[in-house]
Amino acid sequence: MKVSYVVHVSGKVQGVYFRVSSQQKAIDFGLSGYAKNLADGDVEVFVSGEQENIDKMLIWLKQGPELAQVTKLEKKKVDNQEHSFFSIS
């Protein structure tokens, strides 16, 4: 059963390839959705897919790519909304 989450990632997450790295991880885990920069310097990630793979993505998001410094991660399960791919905006 597929599920969806909106994840708000705070810290040093812009300008460190966080969105691009998130896209690659999502593809690796078979997830769809998006990653986008927010005006406050945080990143919003929407993921949809199997819970097991989303759990793997959430673990990765807590750390992010090498240059990132994640200080806070908030996740919220939402109604499932499948996308055909994982985009960056």
Protein backbone atom coordinates (compact mmCIF):
# COMPACT_ATOMS: atom_id res chain seq x y z
CA MET A 1 0.00 0.00 0.00
CA LYS A 2 1.42 3.35 -1.01
CA VAL A 3 1.50 6.30 1.36
CA SER A 4 2.61 9.92 1.20
CA TYR A 5 4.45 12.26 3.56
CA VAL A 6 5.33 15.94 3.56
CA VAL A 7 8.70 16.45 5.26
CA HIS A 8 10.03 19.82 6.44
CA VAL A 9 13.83 19.80 6.77
CA SER A 10 15.59 22.59 8.68
CA GLY A 11 19.24 23.52 9.10
CA LYS A 12 21.92 24.14 6.52
CA VAL A 13 19.96 22.53 3.70
CA GLN A 14 20.05 25.08 0.89
CA GLY A 15 23.11 25.50 -1.30
CA VAL A 16 24.44 22.05 -0.37
CA TYR A 17 22.83 19.95 -3.14
CA PHE A 18 20.09 18.80 -0.77
CA ARG A 19 17.33 18.80 -3.41
CA VAL A 20 19.41 17.06 -6.07
CA SER A 21 20.63 14.48 -3.58
CA SER A 22 17.06 13.96 -2.34
CA GLN A 23 15.94 13.36 -5.90
CA GLN A 24 18.61 10.72 -6.44
CA LYS A 25 17.80 8.95 -3.17
CA ALA A 26 14.08 9.01 -3.97
CA ILE A 27 14.76 7.44 -7.36
CA ASP A 28 16.99 4.83 -5.68
CA PHE A 29 14.16 4.00 -3.25
CA GLY A 30 11.47 3.96 -5.96
CA LEU A 31 9.64 7.01 -4.63
CA SER A 32 7.90 9.86 -6.40
CA GLY A 33 7.28 13.43 -5.25
CA TYR A 34 9.32 16.61 -5.10
CA ALA A 35 11.87 18.66 -3.18
CA LYS A 36 11.69 22.44 -3.07
CA ASN A 37 13.45 25.28 -1.31
CA LEU A 38 11.36 27.38 1.05
CA ALA A 39 11.73 31.12 1.57
CA ASP A 40 12.83 30.60 5.21
CA GLY A 41 15.92 28.59 4.14
CA ASP A 42 14.39 25.17 4.78
CA VAL A 43 13.52 22.44 2.28
CA GLU A 44 10.16 20.74 1.81
CA VAL A 45 10.19 17.16 0.54
CA PHE A 46 7.06 15.32 -0.56
CA VAL A 47 7.45 11.57 -0.97
CA SER A 48 5.01 8.91 -2.10
CA GLY A 49 5.56 5.17 -2.25
CA GLU A 50 5.78 2.05 -0.14
CA GLN A 51 6.14 2.70 3.60
CA GLU A 52 9.31 0.62 3.82
CA ASN A 53 11.02 2.78 1.19
CA ILE A 54 9.73 6.01 2.71
CA ASP A 55 11.21 4.92 6.05
CA LYS A 56 14.59 4.55 4.31
CA MET A 57 14.19 8.01 2.79
CA LEU A 58 13.31 9.54 6.16
CA ILE A 59 16.45 8.07 7.70
CA TRP A 60 18.51 9.57 4.88
CA LEU A 61 16.76 12.96 5.15
CA LYS A 62 17.75 13.22 8.82
CA GLN A 63 21.37 13.40 7.65
CA GLY A 64 21.15 14.63 4.07
CA PRO A 65 24.14 15.00 1.74
CA GLU A 66 27.68 15.47 3.02
CA LEU A 67 27.63 19.30 3.19
CA ALA A 68 24.21 19.54 4.85
CA GLN A 69 23.64 20.07 8.55
CA VAL A 70 20.09 18.96 9.37
CA THR A 71 18.92 20.35 12.71
CA LYS A 72 15.24 19.44 12.55
CA LEU A 73 12.99 17.15 10.54
CA GLU A 74 9.20 17.29 10.77
CA LYS A 75 7.12 14.73 8.90
CA LYS A 76 3.40 14.57 8.35
CA LYS A 77 1.51 11.69 6.74
CA VAL A 78 -0.97 13.00 4.17
CA ASP A 79 -3.49 11.50 1.79
CA ASN A 80 -1.67 9.50 -0.84
CA GLN A 81 -0.83 11.55 -3.92
CA GLU A 82 1.26 9.73 -6.46
CA HIS A 83 3.45 11.61 -8.87
CA SER A 84 4.89 10.10 -12.02
CA PHE A 85 8.45 11.07 -11.00
CA PHE A 86 10.45 13.00 -8.38
CA SER A 87 10.92 16.64 -9.32
CA ILE A 88 12.96 19.55 -8.02
CA SER A 89 11.52 23.04 -7.82
